[in-house]
Amino acid sequence: GSQMIMNLCASRSFIEADQAMRSVLAKKLDALALCRETFQASQANWEKDRDGRCKKEADGGSEDASVRPMILSTCQARATEQRTMQLRSIKSCDSIQDSME
């Protein structure tokens, strides 16, 4: 029972982090319309990379399958919060390339 609650809390943290990131992303896409496609491609690549890394972390994190969702969501939330800070720091189309690293 309590593991399910921890999984739900971790999932909610990720959802909140993702919503915050999407809000920042939408503002940046509007502000940097000239490089919107590059920006969207960069973001899509980042999300794919995040999900792959977090899945690997969750798969290797525990023998107990019931904690996998919590490990996955916690990893995704942490990475997403870092990405949001990165996105906030992007001021021009030139700085998008830097954020792809």
N, C-alpha and C. Protein backbone atom coordinates (compact mmCIF):
# COMPACT_ATOMS: atom_id res chain seq x y z
N GLY A 1 0.81 -1.21 0.00
CA GLY A 1 0.00 0.00 0.00
C GLY A 1 0.85 1.25 0.00
N SER A 2 1.81 1.34 0.92
CA SER A 2 2.58 2.58 1.03
C SER A 2 3.49 2.80 -0.18
N GLN A 3 3.95 1.70 -0.81
CA GLN A 3 4.77 1.86 -2.03
C GLN A 3 3.93 2.47 -3.14
N MET A 4 2.67 2.07 -3.22
CA MET A 4 1.79 2.63 -4.24
C MET A 4 1.63 4.15 -4.02
N ILE A 5 1.50 4.56 -2.76
CA ILE A 5 1.38 5.99 -2.45
C ILE A 5 2.66 6.72 -2.84
N MET A 6 3.83 6.13 -2.53
CA MET A 6 5.10 6.77 -2.90
C MET A 6 5.22 6.86 -4.43
N ASN A 7 4.76 5.82 -5.14
CA ASN A 7 4.78 5.86 -6.60
C ASN A 7 3.91 6.99 -7.13
N LEU A 8 2.73 7.14 -6.54
CA LEU A 8 1.80 8.20 -6.97
C LEU A 8 2.38 9.59 -6.69
N CYS A 9 3.01 9.75 -5.53
CA CYS A 9 3.61 11.05 -5.19
C CYS A 9 4.75 11.39 -6.16
N ALA A 10 5.57 10.40 -6.47
CA ALA A 10 6.67 10.61 -7.41
C ALA A 10 6.13 10.96 -8.79
N SER A 11 5.07 10.26 -9.18
CA SER A 11 4.45 10.53 -10.48
C SER A 11 3.89 11.95 -10.52
N ARG A 12 3.25 12.36 -9.44
CA ARG A 12 2.70 13.72 -9.39
C ARG A 12 3.82 14.76 -9.45
N SER A 13 4.94 14.50 -8.78
CA SER A 13 6.09 15.42 -8.84
C SER A 13 6.59 15.57 -10.26
N PHE A 14 6.64 14.45 -10.98
CA PHE A 14 7.08 14.50 -12.38
C PHE A 14 6.09 15.29 -13.23
N ILE A 15 4.80 15.03 -13.04
CA ILE A 15 3.77 15.72 -13.82
C ILE A 15 3.86 17.24 -13.58
N GLU A 16 4.04 17.63 -12.31
CA GLU A 16 4.16 19.06 -11.99
C GLU A 16 5.42 19.66 -12.61
N ALA A 17 6.53 18.94 -12.55
CA ALA A 17 7.78 19.42 -13.15
C ALA A 17 7.62 19.55 -14.66
N ASP A 18 6.95 18.57 -15.27
CA ASP A 18 6.74 18.57 -16.72
C ASP A 18 5.86 19.76 -17.13
N GLN A 19 4.82 20.02 -16.37
CA GLN A 19 3.94 21.16 -16.69
C GLN A 19 4.70 22.48 -16.59
N ALA A 20 5.53 22.61 -15.55
CA ALA A 20 6.32 23.83 -15.38
C ALA A 20 7.29 23.99 -16.56
N MET A 21 7.92 22.89 -16.97
CA MET A 21 8.86 22.94 -18.09
C MET A 21 8.12 23.34 -19.37
N ARG A 22 6.94 22.76 -19.61
CA ARG A 22 6.19 23.06 -20.84
C ARG A 22 5.75 24.52 -20.89
N SER A 23 5.46 25.08 -19.72
CA SER A 23 5.09 26.49 -19.65
C SER A 23 6.27 27.38 -20.05
N VAL A 24 7.45 27.08 -19.51
CA VAL A 24 8.67 27.83 -19.87
C VAL A 24 8.98 27.63 -21.35
N LEU A 25 8.85 26.38 -21.81
CA LEU A 25 9.14 26.06 -23.20
C LEU A 25 8.23 26.84 -24.15
N ALA A 26 6.95 26.92 -23.84
CA ALA A 26 5.99 27.64 -24.70
C ALA A 26 6.39 29.11 -24.81
N LYS A 27 6.78 29.72 -23.69
CA LYS A 27 7.20 31.13 -23.72
C LYS A 27 8.46 31.30 -24.57
N LYS A 28 9.40 30.38 -24.42
CA LYS A 28 10.65 30.48 -25.19
C LYS A 28 10.39 30.27 -26.68
N LEU A 29 9.50 29.34 -27.01
CA LEU A 29 9.18 29.10 -28.43
C LEU A 29 8.55 30.34 -29.05
N ASP A 30 7.72 31.04 -28.29
CA ASP A 30 7.12 32.28 -28.79
C ASP A 30 8.19 33.36 -28.96
N ALA A 31 9.08 33.46 -27.98
CA ALA A 31 10.10 34.51 -28.00
C ALA A 31 11.15 34.25 -29.09
N LEU A 32 11.40 32.99 -29.37
CA LEU A 32 12.45 32.63 -30.33
C LEU A 32 11.85 31.94 -31.55
N ALA A 33 10.87 32.60 -32.14
CA ALA A 33 10.12 32.02 -33.25
C ALA A 33 11.01 31.68 -34.45
N LEU A 34 12.10 32.42 -34.63
CA LEU A 34 12.98 32.18 -35.79
C LEU A 34 13.60 30.79 -35.77
N CYS A 35 13.79 30.24 -34.59
CA CYS A 35 14.44 28.93 -34.51
C CYS A 35 13.52 27.91 -33.83
N ARG A 36 12.23 28.10 -33.98
CA ARG A 36 11.24 27.24 -33.35
C ARG A 36 11.48 25.76 -33.67
N GLU A 37 11.72 25.45 -34.95
CA GLU A 37 11.88 24.02 -35.33
C GLU A 37 13.12 23.41 -34.70
N THR A 38 14.22 24.15 -34.69
CA THR A 38 15.45 23.68 -34.06
C THR A 38 15.21 23.46 -32.57
N PHE A 39 14.52 24.41 -31.97
CA PHE A 39 14.22 24.35 -30.54
C PHE A 39 13.36 23.11 -30.23
N GLN A 40 12.33 22.90 -31.04
CA GLN A 40 11.44 21.75 -30.81
C GLN A 40 12.18 20.43 -31.00
N ALA A 41 13.06 20.38 -32.00
CA ALA A 41 13.86 19.17 -32.23
C ALA A 41 14.80 18.92 -31.06
N SER A 42 15.43 19.99 -30.57
CA SER A 42 16.32 19.89 -29.42
C SER A 42 15.56 19.36 -28.21
N GLN A 43 14.35 19.88 -27.99
CA GLN A 43 13.55 19.46 -26.85
C GLN A 43 13.12 18.00 -26.99
N ALA A 44 12.71 17.60 -28.19
CA ALA A 44 12.30 16.21 -28.42
C ALA A 44 13.45 15.25 -28.17
N ASN A 45 14.64 15.63 -28.64
CA ASN A 45 15.84 14.80 -28.41
C ASN A 45 16.14 14.71 -26.92
N TRP A 46 16.01 15.84 -26.24
CA TRP A 46 16.28 15.85 -24.81
C TRP A 46 15.30 14.92 -24.07
N GLU A 47 14.02 15.00 -24.41
CA GLU A 47 13.01 14.17 -23.74
C GLU A 47 13.27 12.68 -23.97
N LYS A 48 13.63 12.34 -25.20
CA LYS A 48 13.92 10.94 -25.53
C LYS A 48 15.12 10.44 -24.71
N ASP A 49 16.14 11.28 -24.63
CA ASP A 49 17.34 10.96 -23.87
C ASP A 49 17.02 10.81 -22.38
N ARG A 50 16.24 11.76 -21.85
CA ARG A 50 15.84 11.70 -20.43
C ARG A 50 15.10 10.40 -20.14
N ASP A 51 14.14 10.08 -20.97
CA ASP A 51 13.33 8.89 -20.72
C ASP A 51 14.16 7.62 -20.81
N GLY A 52 15.10 7.58 -21.76
CA GLY A 52 15.98 6.43 -21.90
C GLY A 52 16.88 6.26 -20.69
N ARG A 53 17.48 7.39 -20.24
CA ARG A 53 18.37 7.33 -19.07
C ARG A 53 17.60 6.95 -17.82
N CYS A 54 16.42 7.51 -17.64
CA CYS A 54 15.65 7.22 -16.43
C CYS A 54 15.11 5.80 -16.43
N LYS A 55 14.76 5.29 -17.60
CA LYS A 55 14.29 3.90 -17.69
C LYS A 55 15.43 2.96 -17.30
N LYS A 56 16.64 3.28 -17.79
CA LYS A 56 17.81 2.47 -17.45
C LYS A 56 18.06 2.51 -15.93
N GLU A 57 17.94 3.72 -15.36
CA GLU A 57 18.13 3.87 -13.91
C GLU A 57 17.09 3.06 -13.15
N ALA A 58 15.85 3.11 -13.60
CA ALA A 58 14.77 2.37 -12.92
C ALA A 58 14.97 0.86 -13.07
N ASP A 59 15.39 0.44 -14.26
CA ASP A 59 15.60 -0.99 -14.51
C ASP A 59 16.73 -1.54 -13.66
N GLY A 60 17.76 -0.73 -13.44
CA GLY A 60 18.91 -1.19 -12.68
C GLY A 60 18.84 -0.85 -11.21
N GLY A 61 17.82 -0.10 -10.84
CA GLY A 61 17.76 0.45 -9.49
C GLY A 61 17.33 -0.49 -8.41
N SER A 62 16.56 -1.51 -8.76
CA SER A 62 16.04 -2.36 -7.71
C SER A 62 15.54 -3.67 -8.29
N GLU A 63 15.67 -4.70 -7.49
CA GLU A 63 15.10 -6.00 -7.86
C GLU A 63 13.58 -5.96 -7.68
N ASP A 64 13.12 -5.09 -6.80
CA ASP A 64 11.70 -5.01 -6.46
C ASP A 64 10.97 -4.19 -7.52
N ALA A 65 10.17 -4.85 -8.33
CA ALA A 65 9.46 -4.18 -9.43
C ALA A 65 8.50 -3.10 -8.94
N SER A 66 8.02 -3.21 -7.71
CA SER A 66 7.04 -2.24 -7.23
C SER A 66 7.64 -0.85 -7.01
N VAL A 67 8.97 -0.76 -6.90
CA VAL A 67 9.59 0.57 -6.72
C VAL A 67 10.03 1.19 -8.05
N ARG A 68 10.00 0.42 -9.14
CA ARG A 68 10.43 0.93 -10.44
C ARG A 68 9.70 2.21 -10.85
N PRO A 69 8.35 2.27 -10.71
CA PRO A 69 7.67 3.51 -11.11
C PRO A 69 8.15 4.73 -10.33
N MET A 70 8.45 4.54 -9.05
CA MET A 70 8.92 5.66 -8.22
C MET A 70 10.31 6.11 -8.68
N ILE A 71 11.20 5.15 -8.94
CA ILE A 71 12.55 5.49 -9.40
C ILE A 71 12.48 6.22 -10.74
N LEU A 72 11.65 5.71 -11.64
CA LEU A 72 11.50 6.32 -12.97
C LEU A 72 10.98 7.76 -12.84
N SER A 73 9.89 7.94 -12.10
CA SER A 73 9.29 9.27 -11.96
C SER A 73 10.21 10.25 -11.26
N THR A 74 10.92 9.78 -10.24
CA THR A 74 11.84 10.64 -9.50
C THR A 74 12.97 11.11 -10.41
N CYS A 75 13.51 10.19 -11.19
CA CYS A 75 14.56 10.52 -12.15
C CYS A 75 14.04 11.54 -13.18
N GLN A 76 12.85 11.28 -13.73
CA GLN A 76 12.29 12.18 -14.73
C GLN A 76 12.01 13.57 -14.15
N ALA A 77 11.50 13.62 -12.92
CA ALA A 77 11.21 14.91 -12.29
C ALA A 77 12.50 15.70 -12.09
N ARG A 78 13.54 15.02 -11.59
CA ARG A 78 14.83 15.69 -11.33
C ARG A 78 15.42 16.23 -12.63
N ALA A 79 15.43 15.40 -13.67
CA ALA A 79 15.99 15.82 -14.96
C ALA A 79 15.17 16.96 -15.56
N THR A 80 13.85 16.89 -15.40
CA THR A 80 12.96 17.90 -15.97
C THR A 80 13.15 19.25 -15.28
N GLU A 81 13.34 19.22 -13.95
CA GLU A 81 13.60 20.46 -13.22
C GLU A 81 14.91 21.08 -13.70
N GLN A 82 15.94 20.25 -13.94
CA GLN A 82 17.21 20.77 -14.45
C GLN A 82 17.03 21.36 -15.85
N ARG A 83 16.25 20.69 -16.69
CA ARG A 83 15.99 21.16 -18.05
C ARG A 83 15.25 22.50 -18.01
N THR A 84 14.31 22.64 -17.09
CA THR A 84 13.56 23.89 -16.97
C THR A 84 14.51 25.04 -16.67
N MET A 85 15.47 24.81 -15.79
CA MET A 85 16.46 25.86 -15.49
C MET A 85 17.29 26.17 -16.73
N GLN A 86 17.65 25.12 -17.47
CA GLN A 86 18.39 25.31 -18.73
C GLN A 86 17.57 26.16 -19.71
N LEU A 87 16.31 25.80 -19.87
CA LEU A 87 15.44 26.52 -20.80
C LEU A 87 15.31 27.99 -20.41
N ARG A 88 15.18 28.24 -19.11
CA ARG A 88 15.06 29.64 -18.65
C ARG A 88 16.29 30.45 -19.04
N SER A 89 17.45 29.80 -19.10
CA SER A 89 18.69 30.53 -19.37
C SER A 89 18.90 30.79 -20.87
N ILE A 90 18.10 30.18 -21.72
CA ILE A 90 18.24 30.38 -23.17
C ILE A 90 17.70 31.77 -23.54
N LYS A 91 18.58 32.56 -24.11
CA LYS A 91 18.21 33.95 -24.44
C LYS A 91 18.13 34.19 -25.95
N SER A 92 18.75 33.31 -26.72
CA SER A 92 18.79 33.53 -28.16
C SER A 92 18.83 32.19 -28.88
N CYS A 93 18.62 32.23 -30.18
CA CYS A 93 18.68 31.01 -30.98
C CYS A 93 20.06 30.35 -30.88
N ASP A 94 21.11 31.15 -30.74
CA ASP A 94 22.48 30.59 -30.62
C ASP A 94 22.62 29.71 -29.39
N SER A 95 21.96 30.08 -28.30
CA SER A 95 22.14 29.33 -27.07
C SER A 95 21.35 28.02 -27.05
N ILE A 96 20.52 27.78 -28.06
CA ILE A 96 19.81 26.50 -28.15
C ILE A 96 20.80 25.38 -28.44
N GLN A 97 21.72 25.63 -29.35
CA GLN A 97 22.72 24.61 -29.66
C GLN A 97 23.46 24.17 -28.41
N ASP A 98 23.82 25.14 -27.56
CA ASP A 98 24.53 24.84 -26.32
C ASP A 98 23.70 23.96 -25.42
N SER A 99 22.38 24.15 -25.43
CA SER A 99 21.51 23.41 -24.52
C SER A 99 21.29 21.96 -24.97
N MET A 100 21.73 21.66 -26.20
CA MET A 100 21.53 20.30 -26.72
C MET A 100 22.57 19.34 -26.19
N GLU A 101 23.64 19.86 -25.61
CA GLU A 101 24.72 18.99 -25.12
C GLU A 101 24.22 18.11 -24.01
